[in-house]
Amino acid sequence: MSQFNKPKPGLNPNAKAFVPGGGAGAKPTASAKPAVAKPTPPPKAPPRPVAKPGVTSTSAGKMLDDSDKRTAGQKSPAHNRSQHVGKSDAGLQARGKPVATSYLTKSDQNKAASELLGSTKGANKINSLKADADGKTRTIVGAGPSGPAKPGATWNKTASITRVAERGKAPYNAKATQNQMDLSKKGGQVNAQTTYAVKPAGGFVALPKPAAGPSLKPTTKANVPSIAGGAAGLRKVPAPAGQKVPAMGAGDNLKRVTAGAAAKKK
């Protein structure tokens, strides 16, 4: 055996040559087609958080009404409705305050109250007052549900409307972009003592007066055409020629007229 044919140490001289793609001694095979990778499905969207029910205008209005009723007759009764809803201009000016306000309707006050009670600040004030002793108070001041008033903000467009009487100015309507609720605890109950619109840092902005509509002045006698006293102005319809019109006061007369009309048709 020549030195070139000598097996190398550690190798089996009887082993068959290694063929790529198969076992020892296997015949070469056609190359396999590469597997097509399946597209990775997009990740599932996380489940939407369940919205917690907020304080509605209805529930806020009920709290205001209940507070006024519960404290009626007490030394310092709640006066949400009586002092801050639907007050006249004279009533606002009679308070003698630099700024006095009154929501136009209960719905306006309910909306403002729901924004205050539904805020995180409002919930914290309510909870802390519940843990306090009788006689304690809290105040919630809010400039809308999303902070200070911003031009174009949705809540600002639909803000409550309040009547404003400022000293030295004629009363006017404005959006209640900032509101306040004073809370108190009496008899173990948390009450809304009063809820009203407060003057924001930039001042109230008077809403434009509605444009004048068509005149609704009632029609006068001067521009109504005369009907000549009634009967004289009406045209009398003559009876058919050659026929007498029977009185229609009795039922038998009506029967005769109907029967006569039917006979003529024949």
C-alpha atoms as a PDB file:
ATOM      1  CA  MET A   1       0.000   0.000   0.000  1.00  0.00           C
ATOM      2  CA  SER A   2       1.440   3.256  -1.026  1.00  0.00           C
ATOM      3  CA  GLN A   3       1.749   6.057   1.381  1.00  0.00           C
ATOM      4  CA  PHE A   4      -1.031   7.916  -0.467  1.00  0.00           C
ATOM      5  CA  ASN A   5      -3.482   5.085   0.078  1.00  0.00           C
ATOM      6  CA  LYS A   6      -2.761   4.619   3.699  1.00  0.00           C
ATOM      7  CA  PRO A   7      -5.763   5.508   5.846  1.00  0.00           C
ATOM      8  CA  LYS A   8      -5.341   8.333   8.206  1.00  0.00           C
ATOM      9  CA  PRO A   9      -5.199   7.445  11.848  1.00  0.00           C
ATOM     10  CA  GLY A  10      -8.630   7.293  13.498  1.00  0.00           C
ATOM     11  CA  LEU A  11     -10.528   6.732  10.256  1.00  0.00           C
ATOM     12  CA  ASN A  12     -12.275   3.508   9.203  1.00  0.00           C
ATOM     13  CA  PRO A  13     -10.875   2.474   5.832  1.00  0.00           C
ATOM     14  CA  ASN A  14     -14.099   0.583   5.046  1.00  0.00           C
ATOM     15  CA  ALA A  15     -16.427   3.549   5.657  1.00  0.00           C
ATOM     16  CA  LYS A  16     -18.272   4.824   2.620  1.00  0.00           C
ATOM     17  CA  ALA A  17     -17.806   8.348   1.425  1.00  0.00           C
ATOM     18  CA  PHE A  18     -20.205  10.982   2.823  1.00  0.00           C
ATOM     19  CA  VAL A  19     -22.647  12.221   0.264  1.00  0.00           C
ATOM     20  CA  PRO A  20     -24.302  15.601   1.048  1.00  0.00           C
ATOM     21  CA  GLY A  21     -28.092  15.383   1.313  1.00  0.00           C
ATOM     22  CA  GLY A  22     -28.161  11.708   2.256  1.00  0.00           C
ATOM     23  CA  GLY A  23     -26.745   9.085   4.494  1.00  0.00           C
ATOM     24  CA  ALA A  24     -23.487   7.350   3.942  1.00  0.00           C
ATOM     25  CA  GLY A  25     -23.394   6.118   0.387  1.00  0.00           C
ATOM     26  CA  ALA A  26     -26.780   7.647  -0.517  1.00  0.00           C
ATOM     27  CA  LYS A  27     -27.326   8.759  -4.033  1.00  0.00           C
ATOM     28  CA  PRO A  28     -27.599  12.485  -4.698  1.00  0.00           C
ATOM     29  CA  THR A  29     -31.200  13.722  -4.777  1.00  0.00           C
ATOM     30  CA  ALA A  30     -32.830  16.734  -6.327  1.00  0.00           C
ATOM     31  CA  SER A  31     -32.700  19.777  -4.053  1.00  0.00           C
ATOM     32  CA  ALA A  32     -35.909  20.257  -2.030  1.00  0.00           C
ATOM     33  CA  LYS A  33     -37.999  23.372  -2.632  1.00  0.00           C
ATOM     34  CA  PRO A  34     -37.651  25.955   0.123  1.00  0.00           C
ATOM     35  CA  ALA A  35     -40.670  26.115   2.420  1.00  0.00           C
ATOM     36  CA  VAL A  36     -42.824  29.230   1.971  1.00  0.00           C
ATOM     37  CA  ALA A  37     -43.042  31.083   5.248  1.00  0.00           C
ATOM     38  CA  LYS A  38     -46.607  31.779   6.321  1.00  0.00           C
ATOM     39  CA  PRO A  39     -47.367  35.440   7.006  1.00  0.00           C
ATOM     40  CA  THR A  40     -47.410  36.306  10.663  1.00  0.00           C
ATOM     41  CA  PRO A  41     -50.952  37.287  11.714  1.00  0.00           C
ATOM     42  CA  PRO A  42     -51.240  40.822  13.058  1.00  0.00           C
ATOM     43  CA  PRO A  43     -51.330  41.103  16.829  1.00  0.00           C
ATOM     44  CA  LYS A  44     -54.770  41.208  18.355  1.00  0.00           C
ATOM     45  CA  ALA A  45     -55.897  44.595  19.522  1.00  0.00           C
ATOM     46  CA  PRO A  46     -56.089  44.874  23.289  1.00  0.00           C
ATOM     47  CA  PRO A  47     -59.635  44.793  24.644  1.00  0.00           C
ATOM     48  CA  ARG A  48     -61.200  48.182  25.064  1.00  0.00           C
ATOM     49  CA  PRO A  49     -61.550  49.277  28.647  1.00  0.00           C
ATOM     50  CA  VAL A  50     -65.095  49.271  29.904  1.00  0.00           C
ATOM     51  CA  ALA A  51     -66.207  52.864  30.343  1.00  0.00           C
ATOM     52  CA  LYS A  52     -67.273  53.610  33.871  1.00  0.00           C
ATOM     53  CA  PRO A  53     -70.632  55.338  34.103  1.00  0.00           C
ATOM     54  CA  GLY A  54     -70.141  58.994  34.951  1.00  0.00           C
ATOM     55  CA  VAL A  55     -72.381  61.425  36.739  1.00  0.00           C
ATOM     56  CA  THR A  56     -75.258  62.272  34.412  1.00  0.00           C
ATOM     57  CA  SER A  57     -77.187  65.511  34.351  1.00  0.00           C
ATOM     58  CA  THR A  58     -80.204  63.628  35.699  1.00  0.00           C
ATOM     59  CA  SER A  59     -78.382  62.188  38.716  1.00  0.00           C
ATOM     60  CA  ALA A  60     -76.663  65.524  39.393  1.00  0.00           C
ATOM     61  CA  GLY A  61     -80.025  67.315  39.251  1.00  0.00           C
ATOM     62  CA  LYS A  62     -81.502  64.808  41.712  1.00  0.00           C
ATOM     63  CA  MET A  63     -78.704  65.566  44.170  1.00  0.00           C
ATOM     64  CA  LEU A  64     -79.432  69.300  43.926  1.00  0.00           C
ATOM     65  CA  ASP A  65     -83.169  68.776  44.460  1.00  0.00           C
ATOM     66  CA  ASP A  66     -82.616  66.350  47.362  1.00  0.00           C
ATOM     67  CA  SER A  67     -80.158  68.736  49.009  1.00  0.00           C
ATOM     68  CA  ASP A  68     -82.631  71.629  48.839  1.00  0.00           C
ATOM     69  CA  LYS A  69     -85.430  69.459  50.289  1.00  0.00           C
ATOM     70  CA  ARG A  70     -83.364  67.851  53.067  1.00  0.00           C
ATOM     71  CA  THR A  71     -82.069  71.142  54.408  1.00  0.00           C
ATOM     72  CA  ALA A  72     -85.272  73.169  54.058  1.00  0.00           C
ATOM     73  CA  GLY A  73     -86.101  74.840  57.366  1.00  0.00           C
ATOM     74  CA  GLN A  74     -82.551  74.559  58.691  1.00  0.00           C
ATOM     75  CA  LYS A  75     -80.434  77.508  59.747  1.00  0.00           C
ATOM     76  CA  SER A  76     -78.436  77.488  56.517  1.00  0.00           C
ATOM     77  CA  PRO A  77     -80.545  75.628  53.934  1.00  0.00           C
ATOM     78  CA  ALA A  78     -79.258  74.641  50.514  1.00  0.00           C
ATOM     79  CA  HIS A  79     -80.417  77.007  47.801  1.00  0.00           C
ATOM     80  CA  ASN A  80     -79.321  75.566  44.477  1.00  0.00           C
ATOM     81  CA  ARG A  81     -82.581  76.164  42.646  1.00  0.00           C
ATOM     82  CA  SER A  82     -84.077  79.101  44.501  1.00  0.00           C
ATOM     83  CA  GLN A  83     -81.084  81.432  44.177  1.00  0.00           C
ATOM     84  CA  HIS A  84     -79.299  80.316  41.033  1.00  0.00           C
ATOM     85  CA  VAL A  85     -81.889  79.269  38.435  1.00  0.00           C
ATOM     86  CA  GLY A  86     -84.220  81.500  36.437  1.00  0.00           C
ATOM     87  CA  LYS A  87     -83.681  84.675  38.458  1.00  0.00           C
ATOM     88  CA  SER A  88     -84.859  87.947  36.967  1.00  0.00           C
ATOM     89  CA  ASP A  89     -82.495  90.788  36.146  1.00  0.00           C
ATOM     90  CA  ALA A  90     -83.973  92.812  38.994  1.00  0.00           C
ATOM     91  CA  GLY A  91     -83.467  89.889  41.376  1.00  0.00           C
ATOM     92  CA  LEU A  92     -79.814  89.530  40.406  1.00  0.00           C
ATOM     93  CA  GLN A  93     -79.124  93.241  40.718  1.00  0.00           C
ATOM     94  CA  ALA A  94     -80.875  93.360  44.101  1.00  0.00           C
ATOM     95  CA  ARG A  95     -78.185  91.112  45.580  1.00  0.00           C
ATOM     96  CA  GLY A  96     -75.800  94.037  45.463  1.00  0.00           C
ATOM     97  CA  LYS A  97     -72.813  91.848  44.541  1.00  0.00           C
ATOM     98  CA  PRO A  98     -70.074  92.776  42.066  1.00  0.00           C
ATOM     99  CA  VAL A  99     -71.118  89.736  39.993  1.00  0.00           C
ATOM    100  CA  ALA A 100     -74.334  87.745  40.405  1.00  0.00           C
ATOM    101  CA  THR A 101     -75.285  84.808  38.182  1.00  0.00           C
ATOM    102  CA  SER A 102     -78.291  82.617  37.547  1.00  0.00           C
ATOM    103  CA  TYR A 103     -78.543  79.679  35.142  1.00  0.00           C
ATOM    104  CA  LEU A 104     -81.290  80.132  32.578  1.00  0.00           C
ATOM    105  CA  THR A 105     -82.827  76.706  33.269  1.00  0.00           C
ATOM    106  CA  LYS A 106     -82.498  73.719  35.598  1.00  0.00           C
ATOM    107  CA  SER A 107     -80.966  71.799  32.698  1.00  0.00           C
ATOM    108  CA  ASP A 108     -78.130  74.335  32.533  1.00  0.00           C
ATOM    109  CA  GLN A 109     -77.450  73.951  36.250  1.00  0.00           C
ATOM    110  CA  ASN A 110     -77.708  70.141  36.063  1.00  0.00           C
ATOM    111  CA  LYS A 111     -75.107  70.069  33.281  1.00  0.00           C
ATOM    112  CA  ALA A 112     -72.706  72.231  35.270  1.00  0.00           C
ATOM    113  CA  ALA A 113     -73.240  70.099  38.400  1.00  0.00           C
ATOM    114  CA  SER A 114     -72.601  66.862  36.499  1.00  0.00           C
ATOM    115  CA  GLU A 115     -69.279  68.223  35.226  1.00  0.00           C
ATOM    116  CA  LEU A 116     -68.210  69.139  38.767  1.00  0.00           C
ATOM    117  CA  LEU A 117     -69.362  65.911  40.443  1.00  0.00           C
ATOM    118  CA  GLY A 118     -68.049  63.721  37.617  1.00  0.00           C
ATOM    119  CA  SER A 119     -64.519  65.112  37.774  1.00  0.00           C
ATOM    120  CA  THR A 120     -61.720  63.425  39.716  1.00  0.00           C
ATOM    121  CA  LYS A 121     -61.478  66.488  41.920  1.00  0.00           C
ATOM    122  CA  GLY A 122     -65.183  66.346  42.681  1.00  0.00           C
ATOM    123  CA  ALA A 123     -65.121  62.633  43.545  1.00  0.00           C
ATOM    124  CA  ASN A 124     -62.204  63.167  45.915  1.00  0.00           C
ATOM    125  CA  LYS A 125     -63.952  66.044  47.673  1.00  0.00           C
ATOM    126  CA  ILE A 126     -67.148  63.994  48.111  1.00  0.00           C
ATOM    127  CA  ASN A 127     -65.268  60.979  49.513  1.00  0.00           C
ATOM    128  CA  SER A 128     -63.231  63.065  51.947  1.00  0.00           C
ATOM    129  CA  LEU A 129     -66.348  64.853  53.177  1.00  0.00           C
ATOM    130  CA  LYS A 130     -68.133  61.558  53.770  1.00  0.00           C
ATOM    131  CA  ALA A 131     -65.352  60.589  56.170  1.00  0.00           C
ATOM    132  CA  ASP A 132     -65.558  63.915  58.041  1.00  0.00           C
ATOM    133  CA  ALA A 133     -67.819  64.893  60.904  1.00  0.00           C
ATOM    134  CA  ASP A 134     -71.020  66.874  60.505  1.00  0.00           C
ATOM    135  CA  GLY A 135     -70.561  70.564  59.891  1.00  0.00           C
ATOM    136  CA  LYS A 136     -67.557  70.199  57.602  1.00  0.00           C
ATOM    137  CA  THR A 137     -67.562  71.735  54.135  1.00  0.00           C
ATOM    138  CA  ARG A 138     -65.806  71.393  50.804  1.00  0.00           C
ATOM    139  CA  THR A 139     -65.777  73.426  47.594  1.00  0.00           C
ATOM    140  CA  ILE A 140     -65.465  72.130  44.036  1.00  0.00           C
ATOM    141  CA  VAL A 141     -64.390  74.638  41.411  1.00  0.00           C
ATOM    142  CA  GLY A 142     -64.079  73.485  37.826  1.00  0.00           C
ATOM    143  CA  ALA A 143     -63.412  75.109  34.485  1.00  0.00           C
ATOM    144  CA  GLY A 144     -65.124  72.477  32.408  1.00  0.00           C
ATOM    145  CA  PRO A 145     -64.386  68.740  32.340  1.00  0.00           C
ATOM    146  CA  SER A 146     -61.032  69.103  30.556  1.00  0.00           C
ATOM    147  CA  GLY A 147     -59.424  72.034  32.337  1.00  0.00           C
ATOM    148  CA  PRO A 148     -59.307  75.711  31.381  1.00  0.00           C
ATOM    149  CA  ALA A 149     -61.519  76.927  28.580  1.00  0.00           C
ATOM    150  CA  LYS A 150     -59.959  76.418  25.176  1.00  0.00           C
ATOM    151  CA  PRO A 151     -61.252  77.883  21.908  1.00  0.00           C
ATOM    152  CA  GLY A 152     -63.077  75.204  19.963  1.00  0.00           C
ATOM    153  CA  ALA A 153     -63.330  72.737  22.846  1.00  0.00           C
ATOM    154  CA  THR A 154     -66.474  70.622  22.515  1.00  0.00           C
ATOM    155  CA  TRP A 155     -67.568  71.145  26.096  1.00  0.00           C
ATOM    156  CA  ASN A 156     -67.066  74.883  25.701  1.00  0.00           C
ATOM    157  CA  LYS A 157     -69.397  74.918  22.675  1.00  0.00           C
ATOM    158  CA  THR A 158     -72.137  73.214  24.674  1.00  0.00           C
ATOM    159  CA  ALA A 159     -71.495  74.893  28.015  1.00  0.00           C
ATOM    160  CA  SER A 160     -74.394  75.897  30.222  1.00  0.00           C
ATOM    161  CA  ILE A 161     -75.835  79.364  29.768  1.00  0.00           C
ATOM    162  CA  THR A 162     -76.041  81.750  32.685  1.00  0.00           C
ATOM    163  CA  ARG A 163     -77.486  85.212  33.201  1.00  0.00           C
ATOM    164  CA  VAL A 164     -74.877  87.648  34.480  1.00  0.00           C
ATOM    165  CA  ALA A 165     -75.442  90.902  36.341  1.00  0.00           C
ATOM    166  CA  GLU A 166     -72.224  92.852  36.835  1.00  0.00           C
ATOM    167  CA  ARG A 167     -72.176  96.069  38.770  1.00  0.00           C
ATOM    168  CA  GLY A 168     -72.385  99.017  36.390  1.00  0.00           C
ATOM    169  CA  LYS A 169     -73.411  96.892  33.382  1.00  0.00           C
ATOM    170  CA  ALA A 170     -76.681  95.795  31.873  1.00  0.00           C
ATOM    171  CA  PRO A 171     -77.398  92.070  32.497  1.00  0.00           C
ATOM    172  CA  TYR A 172     -76.441  89.695  29.697  1.00  0.00           C
ATOM    173  CA  ASN A 173     -76.227  85.990  28.826  1.00  0.00           C
ATOM    174  CA  ALA A 174     -72.871  84.172  28.834  1.00  0.00           C
ATOM    175  CA  LYS A 175     -71.478  80.643  28.719  1.00  0.00           C
ATOM    176  CA  ALA A 176     -70.792  79.192  32.158  1.00  0.00           C
ATOM    177  CA  THR A 177     -67.249  77.990  31.451  1.00  0.00           C
ATOM    178  CA  GLN A 178     -66.359  77.906  35.146  1.00  0.00           C
ATOM    179  CA  ASN A 179     -68.667  76.667  37.886  1.00  0.00           C
ATOM    180  CA  GLN A 180     -68.568  76.172  41.634  1.00  0.00           C
ATOM    181  CA  MET A 181     -70.372  73.868  44.063  1.00  0.00           C
ATOM    182  CA  ASP A 182     -70.244  74.306  47.837  1.00  0.00           C
ATOM    183  CA  LEU A 183     -70.705  71.056  49.757  1.00  0.00           C
ATOM    184  CA  SER A 184     -71.609  70.507  53.387  1.00  0.00           C
ATOM    185  CA  LYS A 185     -72.256  67.518  55.636  1.00  0.00           C
ATOM    186  CA  LYS A 186     -75.379  67.579  57.769  1.00  0.00           C
ATOM    187  CA  GLY A 187     -77.027  64.675  59.532  1.00  0.00           C
ATOM    188  CA  GLY A 188     -74.547  62.277  57.962  1.00  0.00           C
ATOM    189  CA  GLN A 189     -75.557  63.390  54.454  1.00  0.00           C
ATOM    190  CA  VAL A 190     -73.384  65.214  51.941  1.00  0.00           C
ATOM    191  CA  ASN A 191     -75.399  68.083  50.464  1.00  0.00           C
ATOM    192  CA  ALA A 192     -74.821  70.538  47.663  1.00  0.00           C
ATOM    193  CA  GLN A 193     -75.384  73.841  49.391  1.00  0.00           C
ATOM    194  CA  THR A 194     -75.233  75.916  46.232  1.00  0.00           C
ATOM    195  CA  THR A 195     -74.150  75.561  42.600  1.00  0.00           C
ATOM    196  CA  TYR A 196     -73.490  78.586  40.437  1.00  0.00           C
ATOM    197  CA  ALA A 197     -71.388  80.022  37.599  1.00  0.00           C
ATOM    198  CA  VAL A 198     -68.336  82.010  38.675  1.00  0.00           C
ATOM    199  CA  LYS A 199     -66.475  84.653  36.758  1.00  0.00           C
ATOM    200  CA  PRO A 200     -63.490  83.085  34.938  1.00  0.00           C
ATOM    201  CA  ALA A 201     -60.058  84.679  34.925  1.00  0.00           C
ATOM    202  CA  GLY A 202     -60.677  86.265  31.540  1.00  0.00           C
ATOM    203  CA  GLY A 203     -64.148  87.454  32.504  1.00  0.00           C
ATOM    204  CA  PHE A 204     -67.519  86.492  31.100  1.00  0.00           C
ATOM    205  CA  VAL A 205     -68.031  86.902  27.366  1.00  0.00           C
ATOM    206  CA  ALA A 206     -71.469  88.243  26.555  1.00  0.00           C
ATOM    207  CA  LEU A 207     -73.310  86.175  23.983  1.00  0.00           C
ATOM    208  CA  PRO A 208     -74.603  88.107  20.960  1.00  0.00           C
ATOM    209  CA  LYS A 209     -78.255  88.938  21.032  1.00  0.00           C
ATOM    210  CA  PRO A 210     -80.350  86.958  18.549  1.00  0.00           C
ATOM    211  CA  ALA A 211     -81.103  88.714  15.276  1.00  0.00           C
ATOM    212  CA  ALA A 212     -84.454  90.401  15.019  1.00  0.00           C
ATOM    213  CA  GLY A 213     -87.037  88.162  13.417  1.00  0.00           C
ATOM    214  CA  PRO A 214     -90.107  89.058  11.346  1.00  0.00           C
ATOM    215  CA  SER A 215     -92.659  91.367  12.881  1.00  0.00           C
ATOM    216  CA  LEU A 216     -95.339  89.484  14.768  1.00  0.00           C
ATOM    217  CA  LYS A 217     -97.522  92.531  15.223  1.00  0.00           C
ATOM    218  CA  PRO A 218    -101.180  91.415  15.131  1.00  0.00           C
ATOM    219  CA  THR A 219    -103.288  92.456  12.174  1.00  0.00           C
ATOM    220  CA  THR A 220    -105.293  95.596  12.862  1.00  0.00           C
ATOM    221  CA  LYS A 221    -108.767  96.523  11.741  1.00  0.00           C
ATOM    222  CA  ALA A 222    -107.348  99.164   9.441  1.00  0.00           C
ATOM    223  CA  ASN A 223    -105.705  96.663   7.068  1.00  0.00           C
ATOM    224  CA  VAL A 224    -108.515  94.090   6.987  1.00  0.00           C
ATOM    225  CA  PRO A 225    -110.849  94.430   3.932  1.00  0.00           C
ATOM    226  CA  SER A 226    -114.381  95.236   4.934  1.00  0.00           C
ATOM    227  CA  ILE A 227    -116.924  92.457   4.442  1.00  0.00           C
ATOM    228  CA  ALA A 228    -119.785  94.972   4.502  1.00  0.00           C
ATOM    229  CA  GLY A 229    -121.239  93.914   7.782  1.00  0.00           C
ATOM    230  CA  GLY A 230    -121.298  90.246   6.934  1.00  0.00           C
ATOM    231  CA  ALA A 231    -124.482  89.302   5.020  1.00  0.00           C
ATOM    232  CA  ALA A 232    -124.283  92.226   2.588  1.00  0.00           C
ATOM    233  CA  GLY A 233    -120.882  91.077   1.362  1.00  0.00           C
ATOM    234  CA  LEU A 234    -121.857  87.468   0.682  1.00  0.00           C
ATOM    235  CA  ARG A 235    -123.134  86.246  -2.672  1.00  0.00           C
ATOM    236  CA  LYS A 236    -126.509  84.524  -2.494  1.00  0.00           C
ATOM    237  CA  VAL A 237    -126.762  81.308  -4.493  1.00  0.00           C
ATOM    238  CA  PRO A 238    -130.203  81.081  -6.221  1.00  0.00           C
ATOM    239  CA  ALA A 239    -132.314  77.933  -6.091  1.00  0.00           C
ATOM    240  CA  PRO A 240    -132.408  75.726  -9.227  1.00  0.00           C
ATOM    241  CA  ALA A 241    -134.906  77.009 -11.808  1.00  0.00           C
ATOM    242  CA  GLY A 242    -138.344  75.416 -11.677  1.00  0.00           C
ATOM    243  CA  GLN A 243    -137.676  73.563  -8.429  1.00  0.00           C
ATOM    244  CA  LYS A 244    -138.595  74.252  -4.892  1.00  0.00           C
ATOM    245  CA  VAL A 245    -136.039  73.474  -2.247  1.00  0.00           C
ATOM    246  CA  PRO A 246    -137.825  71.799   0.671  1.00  0.00           C
ATOM    247  CA  ALA A 247    -136.940  72.648   4.214  1.00  0.00           C
ATOM    248  CA  MET A 248    -134.287  70.311   5.537  1.00  0.00           C
ATOM    249  CA  GLY A 249    -135.342  70.507   9.136  1.00  0.00           C
ATOM    250  CA  ALA A 250    -137.097  67.120   9.237  1.00  0.00           C
ATOM    251  CA  GLY A 251    -135.793  63.705   8.311  1.00  0.00           C
ATOM    252  CA  ASP A 252    -138.705  62.894   5.979  1.00  0.00           C
ATOM    253  CA  ASN A 253    -137.876  65.929   3.828  1.00  0.00           C
ATOM    254  CA  LEU A 254    -134.356  64.631   3.323  1.00  0.00           C
ATOM    255  CA  LYS A 255    -135.728  61.234   2.317  1.00  0.00           C
ATOM    256  CA  ARG A 256    -138.024  62.806  -0.292  1.00  0.00           C
ATOM    257  CA  VAL A 257    -135.162  64.820  -1.818  1.00  0.00           C
ATOM    258  CA  THR A 258    -132.960  61.711  -2.007  1.00  0.00           C
ATOM    259  CA  ALA A 259    -135.744  59.638  -3.527  1.00  0.00           C
ATOM    260  CA  GLY A 260    -136.515  62.363  -6.112  1.00  0.00           C
ATOM    261  CA  ALA A 261    -132.878  62.531  -7.186  1.00  0.00           C
ATOM    262  CA  ALA A 262    -132.757  58.763  -7.624  1.00  0.00           C
ATOM    263  CA  ALA A 263    -135.988  58.768  -9.745  1.00  0.00           C
ATOM    264  CA  LYS A 264    -134.572  61.412 -12.110  1.00  0.00           C
ATOM    265  CA  LYS A 265    -131.486  59.265 -12.724  1.00  0.00           C
ATOM    266  CA  LYS A 266    -133.757  56.439 -13.954  1.00  0.00           C
END
